[in-house]
Amino acid sequence: MKLFLKKNLYFIILFIAFFLIGFFIPYSHDDWFWGTSWGISAFNDAFQNVNGRYAGNLLAIILTRSRILRAFVIGITLLLIIILICKICKNNKLAPFLSIILLFTLNTSVLKYTITWTAGFVNYVIPMVGILYYLYLNGVNDPKYKQPKYIFIFMLPLGFINCLFMENLTIFNLLLATFFIFYPIIEKRKIYKSNIFYFIGSIFGTILMFTNNAYFQISDGTDTYGQRSLNNNFTIFEEKIS
């Protein structure tokens, strides 16, 4: 136990720091909706007419009901991101320090809408764990890396869930899955079963997200949130560039 604590003291301190940040930051924006009966009502309606961020929405409902659970999830998520970055960088000693520096020197508006906003955190930050793990699994910085034998079993659900957070991350995840179908063929002359399963999961996740009724309403301008109308967005864009 003492050896474990000594070896992982740095990461334990990081987790405690992230946990405290997660505990003391206030709820804000639509956290107050997810944490009330409105969130339960949206869940009972399968988030139809809201959006297709099923995984993010469900986590928002859960984490807005417990500060301790939210603090734990924030702590473990940020810690896992740093650990995965270290793994991808082949345990470079500077990686954890640079990760922390980059994390807390982000633009204020980026921090506001990700780390310090529960609904933003679950949709923007949590899926990065899955994406970084997938990058690590493919040995992006280590040509000699070999995937665990039975890891493909977990890849279909991982690809599926990773596509149920933010729309832009869904598209990115699908493109990433497509890239890693061909990358090992070109680089290593191999086809990984895990990448095929991840790709299939990503396709199903993308389909599930964008078949939510909210996106059909956005496209035809009948969305109850007027600002999500495509016509409205084009008008705003024209005003910005004129």
C-alpha atoms as a PDB file:
ATOM      1  CA  MET A   1       0.000   0.000   0.000  1.00  0.00           C
ATOM      2  CA  LYS A   2       2.814   2.404   0.908  1.00  0.00           C
ATOM      3  CA  LEU A   3       4.570   1.566  -2.362  1.00  0.00           C
ATOM      4  CA  PHE A   4       1.364   2.240  -4.303  1.00  0.00           C
ATOM      5  CA  LEU A   5       0.849   5.596  -2.580  1.00  0.00           C
ATOM      6  CA  LYS A   6       4.454   6.604  -3.135  1.00  0.00           C
ATOM      7  CA  LYS A   7       4.389   5.582  -6.794  1.00  0.00           C
ATOM      8  CA  ASN A   8       1.080   7.302  -7.534  1.00  0.00           C
ATOM      9  CA  LEU A   9       1.229  10.226  -5.098  1.00  0.00           C
ATOM     10  CA  TYR A  10       1.264  12.797  -7.902  1.00  0.00           C
ATOM     11  CA  PHE A  11      -1.907  11.398  -9.464  1.00  0.00           C
ATOM     12  CA  ILE A  12      -3.617  11.051  -6.083  1.00  0.00           C
ATOM     13  CA  ILE A  13      -2.953  14.727  -5.345  1.00  0.00           C
ATOM     14  CA  LEU A  14      -4.289  15.635  -8.781  1.00  0.00           C
ATOM     15  CA  PHE A  15      -7.478  13.652  -8.195  1.00  0.00           C
ATOM     16  CA  ILE A  16      -8.060  15.361  -4.827  1.00  0.00           C
ATOM     17  CA  ALA A  17      -7.526  18.785  -6.422  1.00  0.00           C
ATOM     18  CA  PHE A  18      -9.919  18.011  -9.284  1.00  0.00           C
ATOM     19  CA  PHE A  19     -12.448  16.549  -6.828  1.00  0.00           C
ATOM     20  CA  LEU A  20     -12.449  19.754  -4.769  1.00  0.00           C
ATOM     21  CA  ILE A  21     -12.855  21.870  -7.903  1.00  0.00           C
ATOM     22  CA  GLY A  22     -15.788  19.695  -8.949  1.00  0.00           C
ATOM     23  CA  PHE A  23     -17.383  19.939  -5.522  1.00  0.00           C
ATOM     24  CA  PHE A  24     -17.208  23.707  -5.091  1.00  0.00           C
ATOM     25  CA  ILE A  25     -18.094  24.951  -8.585  1.00  0.00           C
ATOM     26  CA  PRO A  26     -21.737  26.089  -8.656  1.00  0.00           C
ATOM     27  CA  TYR A  27     -24.412  24.748 -10.960  1.00  0.00           C
ATOM     28  CA  SER A  28     -25.171  27.102 -13.826  1.00  0.00           C
ATOM     29  CA  HIS A  29     -27.048  27.594 -17.104  1.00  0.00           C
ATOM     30  CA  ASP A  30     -29.297  24.630 -17.946  1.00  0.00           C
ATOM     31  CA  ASP A  31     -27.928  22.581 -15.043  1.00  0.00           C
ATOM     32  CA  TRP A  32     -30.941  23.960 -13.223  1.00  0.00           C
ATOM     33  CA  PHE A  33     -33.265  22.414 -15.804  1.00  0.00           C
ATOM     34  CA  TRP A  34     -31.577  19.006 -15.838  1.00  0.00           C
ATOM     35  CA  GLY A  35     -31.654  18.920 -12.049  1.00  0.00           C
ATOM     36  CA  THR A  36     -35.412  19.500 -11.827  1.00  0.00           C
ATOM     37  CA  SER A  37     -38.550  17.682 -12.947  1.00  0.00           C
ATOM     38  CA  TRP A  38     -37.936  19.095 -16.444  1.00  0.00           C
ATOM     39  CA  GLY A  39     -34.929  16.806 -16.791  1.00  0.00           C
ATOM     40  CA  ILE A  40     -36.981  13.782 -15.719  1.00  0.00           C
ATOM     41  CA  SER A  41     -39.720  14.774 -18.150  1.00  0.00           C
ATOM     42  CA  ALA A  42     -37.190  15.024 -20.991  1.00  0.00           C
ATOM     43  CA  PHE A  43     -35.822  11.600 -20.014  1.00  0.00           C
ATOM     44  CA  ASN A  44     -39.323  10.069 -19.992  1.00  0.00           C
ATOM     45  CA  ASP A  45     -39.828  11.439 -23.515  1.00  0.00           C
ATOM     46  CA  ALA A  46     -36.500   9.851 -24.619  1.00  0.00           C
ATOM     47  CA  PHE A  47     -35.115  13.381 -25.172  1.00  0.00           C
ATOM     48  CA  GLN A  48     -37.215  13.757 -28.328  1.00  0.00           C
ATOM     49  CA  ASN A  49     -37.420  17.391 -29.488  1.00  0.00           C
ATOM     50  CA  VAL A  50     -34.466  18.189 -27.165  1.00  0.00           C
ATOM     51  CA  ASN A  51     -31.390  16.705 -28.882  1.00  0.00           C
ATOM     52  CA  GLY A  52     -29.683  13.386 -29.561  1.00  0.00           C
ATOM     53  CA  ARG A  53     -27.036  13.730 -26.854  1.00  0.00           C
ATOM     54  CA  TYR A  54     -28.476  10.745 -25.004  1.00  0.00           C
ATOM     55  CA  ALA A  55     -25.359   9.855 -22.988  1.00  0.00           C
ATOM     56  CA  GLY A  56     -24.585  13.492 -22.132  1.00  0.00           C
ATOM     57  CA  ASN A  57     -28.183  14.270 -21.182  1.00  0.00           C
ATOM     58  CA  LEU A  58     -28.455  11.214 -18.931  1.00  0.00           C
ATOM     59  CA  LEU A  59     -25.204  12.104 -17.151  1.00  0.00           C
ATOM     60  CA  ALA A  60     -26.386  15.705 -16.752  1.00  0.00           C
ATOM     61  CA  ILE A  61     -29.567  14.489 -15.033  1.00  0.00           C
ATOM     62  CA  ILE A  62     -27.554  12.266 -12.675  1.00  0.00           C
ATOM     63  CA  LEU A  63     -24.742  14.696 -11.830  1.00  0.00           C
ATOM     64  CA  THR A  64     -27.025  17.667 -11.162  1.00  0.00           C
ATOM     65  CA  ARG A  65     -28.554  15.663  -8.309  1.00  0.00           C
ATOM     66  CA  SER A  66     -25.387  14.953  -6.321  1.00  0.00           C
ATOM     67  CA  ARG A  67     -22.482  17.339  -5.752  1.00  0.00           C
ATOM     68  CA  ILE A  68     -20.298  14.542  -4.347  1.00  0.00           C
ATOM     69  CA  LEU A  69     -20.932  12.265  -7.325  1.00  0.00           C
ATOM     70  CA  ARG A  70     -20.309  15.175  -9.707  1.00  0.00           C
ATOM     71  CA  ALA A  71     -17.041  15.971  -7.920  1.00  0.00           C
ATOM     72  CA  PHE A  72     -15.930  12.333  -8.173  1.00  0.00           C
ATOM     73  CA  VAL A  73     -16.784  12.120 -11.890  1.00  0.00           C
ATOM     74  CA  ILE A  74     -15.002  15.401 -12.635  1.00  0.00           C
ATOM     75  CA  GLY A  75     -11.979  14.275 -10.636  1.00  0.00           C
ATOM     76  CA  ILE A  76     -11.674  10.847 -12.242  1.00  0.00           C
ATOM     77  CA  THR A  77     -12.399  12.169 -15.748  1.00  0.00           C
ATOM     78  CA  LEU A  78      -9.715  14.869 -15.679  1.00  0.00           C
ATOM     79  CA  LEU A  79      -7.272  12.426 -14.094  1.00  0.00           C
ATOM     80  CA  LEU A  80      -7.945   9.805 -16.792  1.00  0.00           C
ATOM     81  CA  ILE A  81      -7.416  12.418 -19.512  1.00  0.00           C
ATOM     82  CA  ILE A  82      -3.999  13.289 -18.083  1.00  0.00           C
ATOM     83  CA  ILE A  83      -3.066   9.608 -17.646  1.00  0.00           C
ATOM     84  CA  LEU A  84      -4.079   8.806 -21.228  1.00  0.00           C
ATOM     85  CA  ILE A  85      -2.118  11.773 -22.562  1.00  0.00           C
ATOM     86  CA  CYS A  86       0.903  10.456 -20.647  1.00  0.00           C
ATOM     87  CA  LYS A  87       0.367   7.001 -22.146  1.00  0.00           C
ATOM     88  CA  ILE A  88       0.060   8.387 -25.659  1.00  0.00           C
ATOM     89  CA  CYS A  89       3.219  10.429 -25.074  1.00  0.00           C
ATOM     90  CA  LYS A  90       4.933   7.209 -23.905  1.00  0.00           C
ATOM     91  CA  ASN A  91       5.122   8.364 -20.275  1.00  0.00           C
ATOM     92  CA  ASN A  92       7.102  11.490 -21.077  1.00  0.00           C
ATOM     93  CA  LYS A  93       7.843  13.126 -17.705  1.00  0.00           C
ATOM     94  CA  LEU A  94       6.753  16.546 -18.955  1.00  0.00           C
ATOM     95  CA  ALA A  95       3.381  15.315 -20.260  1.00  0.00           C
ATOM     96  CA  PRO A  96       1.394  15.562 -16.985  1.00  0.00           C
ATOM     97  CA  PHE A  97       2.793  19.015 -16.154  1.00  0.00           C
ATOM     98  CA  LEU A  98       2.129  20.356 -19.642  1.00  0.00           C
ATOM     99  CA  SER A  99      -1.379  18.847 -19.592  1.00  0.00           C
ATOM    100  CA  ILE A 100      -2.246  20.651 -16.370  1.00  0.00           C
ATOM    101  CA  ILE A 101      -0.750  23.925 -17.598  1.00  0.00           C
ATOM    102  CA  LEU A 102      -2.697  23.715 -20.857  1.00  0.00           C
ATOM    103  CA  LEU A 103      -5.869  22.771 -18.987  1.00  0.00           C
ATOM    104  CA  PHE A 104      -5.831  25.795 -16.695  1.00  0.00           C
ATOM    105  CA  THR A 105      -4.582  28.293 -19.282  1.00  0.00           C
ATOM    106  CA  LEU A 106      -7.512  27.658 -21.582  1.00  0.00           C
ATOM    107  CA  ASN A 107      -9.510  30.623 -22.769  1.00  0.00           C
ATOM    108  CA  THR A 108     -11.918  31.766 -20.030  1.00  0.00           C
ATOM    109  CA  SER A 109     -14.984  31.162 -22.195  1.00  0.00           C
ATOM    110  CA  VAL A 110     -13.791  27.616 -22.970  1.00  0.00           C
ATOM    111  CA  LEU A 111     -13.342  26.871 -19.251  1.00  0.00           C
ATOM    112  CA  LYS A 112     -16.727  28.409 -18.503  1.00  0.00           C
ATOM    113  CA  TYR A 113     -18.566  26.181 -20.952  1.00  0.00           C
ATOM    114  CA  THR A 114     -16.674  22.960 -20.163  1.00  0.00           C
ATOM    115  CA  ILE A 115     -15.027  22.489 -16.759  1.00  0.00           C
ATOM    116  CA  THR A 116     -17.247  24.815 -14.693  1.00  0.00           C
ATOM    117  CA  TRP A 117     -20.579  23.929 -16.335  1.00  0.00           C
ATOM    118  CA  THR A 118     -21.913  20.477 -15.528  1.00  0.00           C
ATOM    119  CA  ALA A 119     -23.956  20.033 -18.711  1.00  0.00           C
ATOM    120  CA  GLY A 120     -21.006  21.297 -20.736  1.00  0.00           C
ATOM    121  CA  PHE A 121     -18.573  19.037 -18.880  1.00  0.00           C
ATOM    122  CA  VAL A 122     -20.523  15.847 -19.534  1.00  0.00           C
ATOM    123  CA  ASN A 123     -20.899  16.643 -23.242  1.00  0.00           C
ATOM    124  CA  TYR A 124     -17.476  18.073 -24.060  1.00  0.00           C
ATOM    125  CA  VAL A 125     -14.993  16.623 -21.562  1.00  0.00           C
ATOM    126  CA  ILE A 126     -16.198  13.133 -20.629  1.00  0.00           C
ATOM    127  CA  PRO A 127     -16.240  11.832 -24.246  1.00  0.00           C
ATOM    128  CA  MET A 128     -12.582  12.847 -24.578  1.00  0.00           C
ATOM    129  CA  VAL A 129     -11.696   9.921 -22.305  1.00  0.00           C
ATOM    130  CA  GLY A 130     -13.128   7.466 -24.829  1.00  0.00           C
ATOM    131  CA  ILE A 131     -11.523   9.228 -27.782  1.00  0.00           C
ATOM    132  CA  LEU A 132      -8.097   9.403 -26.124  1.00  0.00           C
ATOM    133  CA  TYR A 133      -8.344   5.756 -25.096  1.00  0.00           C
ATOM    134  CA  TYR A 134      -9.138   4.808 -28.693  1.00  0.00           C
ATOM    135  CA  LEU A 135      -6.104   6.772 -29.886  1.00  0.00           C
ATOM    136  CA  TYR A 136      -3.926   5.037 -27.287  1.00  0.00           C
ATOM    137  CA  LEU A 137      -5.348   1.653 -28.281  1.00  0.00           C
ATOM    138  CA  ASN A 138      -4.216   2.252 -31.843  1.00  0.00           C
ATOM    139  CA  GLY A 139      -0.668   3.059 -30.769  1.00  0.00           C
ATOM    140  CA  VAL A 140      -0.595   6.442 -32.508  1.00  0.00           C
ATOM    141  CA  ASN A 141       2.798   7.206 -30.995  1.00  0.00           C
ATOM    142  CA  ASP A 142       4.138   3.665 -30.776  1.00  0.00           C
ATOM    143  CA  PRO A 143       4.356   1.555 -33.975  1.00  0.00           C
ATOM    144  CA  LYS A 144       5.298  -1.533 -31.906  1.00  0.00           C
ATOM    145  CA  TYR A 145       2.203  -1.343 -29.701  1.00  0.00           C
ATOM    146  CA  LYS A 146      -0.004  -4.459 -29.767  1.00  0.00           C
ATOM    147  CA  GLN A 147      -3.670  -4.371 -28.867  1.00  0.00           C
ATOM    148  CA  PRO A 148      -4.974  -6.643 -26.104  1.00  0.00           C
ATOM    149  CA  LYS A 149      -6.430  -9.835 -27.590  1.00  0.00           C
ATOM    150  CA  TYR A 150     -10.054  -9.463 -26.496  1.00  0.00           C
ATOM    151  CA  ILE A 151     -10.340  -5.672 -26.441  1.00  0.00           C
ATOM    152  CA  PHE A 152     -12.570  -5.747 -29.540  1.00  0.00           C
ATOM    153  CA  ILE A 153     -15.463  -6.893 -27.294  1.00  0.00           C
ATOM    154  CA  PHE A 154     -15.612  -3.432 -25.707  1.00  0.00           C
ATOM    155  CA  MET A 155     -15.115  -1.440 -28.907  1.00  0.00           C
ATOM    156  CA  LEU A 156     -18.627  -1.605 -30.313  1.00  0.00           C
ATOM    157  CA  PRO A 157     -20.268  -0.133 -27.160  1.00  0.00           C
ATOM    158  CA  LEU A 158     -17.425   2.404 -26.812  1.00  0.00           C
ATOM    159  CA  GLY A 159     -17.857   3.642 -30.392  1.00  0.00           C
ATOM    160  CA  PHE A 160     -21.628   3.741 -29.896  1.00  0.00           C
ATOM    161  CA  ILE A 161     -21.545   5.696 -26.620  1.00  0.00           C
ATOM    162  CA  ASN A 162     -18.858   8.108 -27.845  1.00  0.00           C
ATOM    163  CA  CYS A 163     -21.305   9.289 -30.516  1.00  0.00           C
ATOM    164  CA  LEU A 164     -24.022  10.279 -28.035  1.00  0.00           C
ATOM    165  CA  PHE A 165     -22.569  13.467 -26.558  1.00  0.00           C
ATOM    166  CA  MET A 166     -22.000  16.567 -28.737  1.00  0.00           C
ATOM    167  CA  GLU A 167     -22.912  16.680 -32.416  1.00  0.00           C
ATOM    168  CA  ASN A 168     -19.471  17.922 -33.503  1.00  0.00           C
ATOM    169  CA  LEU A 169     -17.781  15.172 -31.459  1.00  0.00           C
ATOM    170  CA  THR A 170     -20.114  12.621 -33.027  1.00  0.00           C
ATOM    171  CA  ILE A 171     -18.969  13.613 -36.509  1.00  0.00           C
ATOM    172  CA  PHE A 172     -15.327  13.710 -35.377  1.00  0.00           C
ATOM    173  CA  ASN A 173     -15.662  10.286 -33.760  1.00  0.00           C
ATOM    174  CA  LEU A 174     -17.122   8.787 -36.939  1.00  0.00           C
ATOM    175  CA  LEU A 175     -14.306  10.281 -39.029  1.00  0.00           C
ATOM    176  CA  LEU A 176     -11.760   8.985 -36.505  1.00  0.00           C
ATOM    177  CA  ALA A 177     -13.267   5.504 -36.666  1.00  0.00           C
ATOM    178  CA  THR A 178     -13.138   5.615 -40.468  1.00  0.00           C
ATOM    179  CA  PHE A 179      -9.506   6.770 -40.414  1.00  0.00           C
ATOM    180  CA  PHE A 180      -8.419   3.886 -38.189  1.00  0.00           C
ATOM    181  CA  ILE A 181     -10.001   1.345 -40.502  1.00  0.00           C
ATOM    182  CA  PHE A 182      -7.436   2.331 -43.154  1.00  0.00           C
ATOM    183  CA  TYR A 183      -4.472   3.603 -41.090  1.00  0.00           C
ATOM    184  CA  PRO A 184      -3.297   0.177 -39.822  1.00  0.00           C
ATOM    185  CA  ILE A 185      -3.644  -1.258 -43.339  1.00  0.00           C
ATOM    186  CA  ILE A 186      -1.353   1.411 -44.756  1.00  0.00           C
ATOM    187  CA  GLU A 187       1.041   1.674 -41.792  1.00  0.00           C
ATOM    188  CA  LYS A 188       1.226  -1.915 -40.511  1.00  0.00           C
ATOM    189  CA  ARG A 189      -0.450  -4.007 -43.211  1.00  0.00           C
ATOM    190  CA  LYS A 190      -2.976  -5.140 -40.599  1.00  0.00           C
ATOM    191  CA  ILE A 191      -6.712  -4.988 -40.051  1.00  0.00           C
ATOM    192  CA  TYR A 192      -7.712  -4.730 -36.396  1.00  0.00           C
ATOM    193  CA  LYS A 193     -10.986  -6.373 -35.433  1.00  0.00           C
ATOM    194  CA  SER A 194     -11.368  -3.779 -32.672  1.00  0.00           C
ATOM    195  CA  ASN A 195     -11.371  -0.925 -35.220  1.00  0.00           C
ATOM    196  CA  ILE A 196     -14.076  -2.600 -37.279  1.00  0.00           C
ATOM    197  CA  PHE A 197     -16.253  -3.028 -34.171  1.00  0.00           C
ATOM    198  CA  TYR A 198     -15.585   0.578 -33.106  1.00  0.00           C
ATOM    199  CA  PHE A 199     -16.543   1.779 -36.595  1.00  0.00           C
ATOM    200  CA  ILE A 200     -19.804  -0.210 -36.531  1.00  0.00           C
ATOM    201  CA  GLY A 201     -20.630   1.160 -33.080  1.00  0.00           C
ATOM    202  CA  SER A 202     -19.907   4.704 -34.284  1.00  0.00           C
ATOM    203  CA  ILE A 203     -22.241   4.297 -37.252  1.00  0.00           C
ATOM    204  CA  PHE A 204     -25.110   3.109 -35.044  1.00  0.00           C
ATOM    205  CA  GLY A 205     -24.418   5.879 -32.511  1.00  0.00           C
ATOM    206  CA  THR A 206     -24.416   8.543 -35.243  1.00  0.00           C
ATOM    207  CA  ILE A 207     -27.668   7.231 -36.689  1.00  0.00           C
ATOM    208  CA  LEU A 208     -29.317   7.195 -33.265  1.00  0.00           C
ATOM    209  CA  MET A 209     -28.231  10.758 -32.506  1.00  0.00           C
ATOM    210  CA  PHE A 210     -29.310  12.372 -35.748  1.00  0.00           C
ATOM    211  CA  THR A 211     -32.627  10.542 -36.028  1.00  0.00           C
ATOM    212  CA  ASN A 212     -33.795  12.423 -32.934  1.00  0.00           C
ATOM    213  CA  ASN A 213     -36.824  14.473 -33.932  1.00  0.00           C
ATOM    214  CA  ALA A 214     -35.147  17.707 -32.804  1.00  0.00           C
ATOM    215  CA  TYR A 215     -32.862  17.741 -35.856  1.00  0.00           C
ATOM    216  CA  PHE A 216     -35.756  17.314 -38.285  1.00  0.00           C
ATOM    217  CA  GLN A 217     -37.456  20.281 -36.615  1.00  0.00           C
ATOM    218  CA  ILE A 218     -34.252  22.325 -36.873  1.00  0.00           C
ATOM    219  CA  SER A 219     -33.935  21.544 -40.576  1.00  0.00           C
ATOM    220  CA  ASP A 220     -37.516  22.542 -41.443  1.00  0.00           C
ATOM    221  CA  GLY A 221     -37.599  25.568 -39.100  1.00  0.00           C
ATOM    222  CA  THR A 222     -40.291  24.226 -36.747  1.00  0.00           C
ATOM    223  CA  ASP A 223     -37.985  23.783 -33.754  1.00  0.00           C
ATOM    224  CA  THR A 224     -39.490  25.114 -30.531  1.00  0.00           C
ATOM    225  CA  TYR A 225     -36.131  26.737 -29.763  1.00  0.00           C
ATOM    226  CA  GLY A 226     -36.189  29.370 -32.491  1.00  0.00           C
ATOM    227  CA  GLN A 227     -32.465  30.054 -32.267  1.00  0.00           C
ATOM    228  CA  ARG A 228     -31.718  26.476 -33.346  1.00  0.00           C
ATOM    229  CA  SER A 229     -33.439  27.006 -36.687  1.00  0.00           C
ATOM    230  CA  LEU A 230     -31.097  26.715 -39.662  1.00  0.00           C
ATOM    231  CA  ASN A 231     -32.697  29.794 -41.231  1.00  0.00           C
ATOM    232  CA  ASN A 232     -32.061  31.762 -38.043  1.00  0.00           C
ATOM    233  CA  ASN A 233     -28.427  30.620 -37.934  1.00  0.00           C
ATOM    234  CA  PHE A 234     -27.891  31.645 -41.550  1.00  0.00           C
ATOM    235  CA  THR A 235     -29.381  35.059 -40.753  1.00  0.00           C
ATOM    236  CA  ILE A 236     -26.998  35.487 -37.786  1.00  0.00           C
ATOM    237  CA  PHE A 237     -24.062  34.418 -39.990  1.00  0.00           C
ATOM    238  CA  GLU A 238     -25.021  36.947 -42.662  1.00  0.00           C
ATOM    239  CA  GLU A 239     -25.233  39.696 -40.027  1.00  0.00           C
ATOM    240  CA  LYS A 240     -21.780  38.789 -38.691  1.00  0.00           C
ATOM    241  CA  ILE A 241     -20.065  38.958 -42.090  1.00  0.00           C
ATOM    242  CA  SER A 242     -21.923  41.992 -43.435  1.00  0.00           C
END
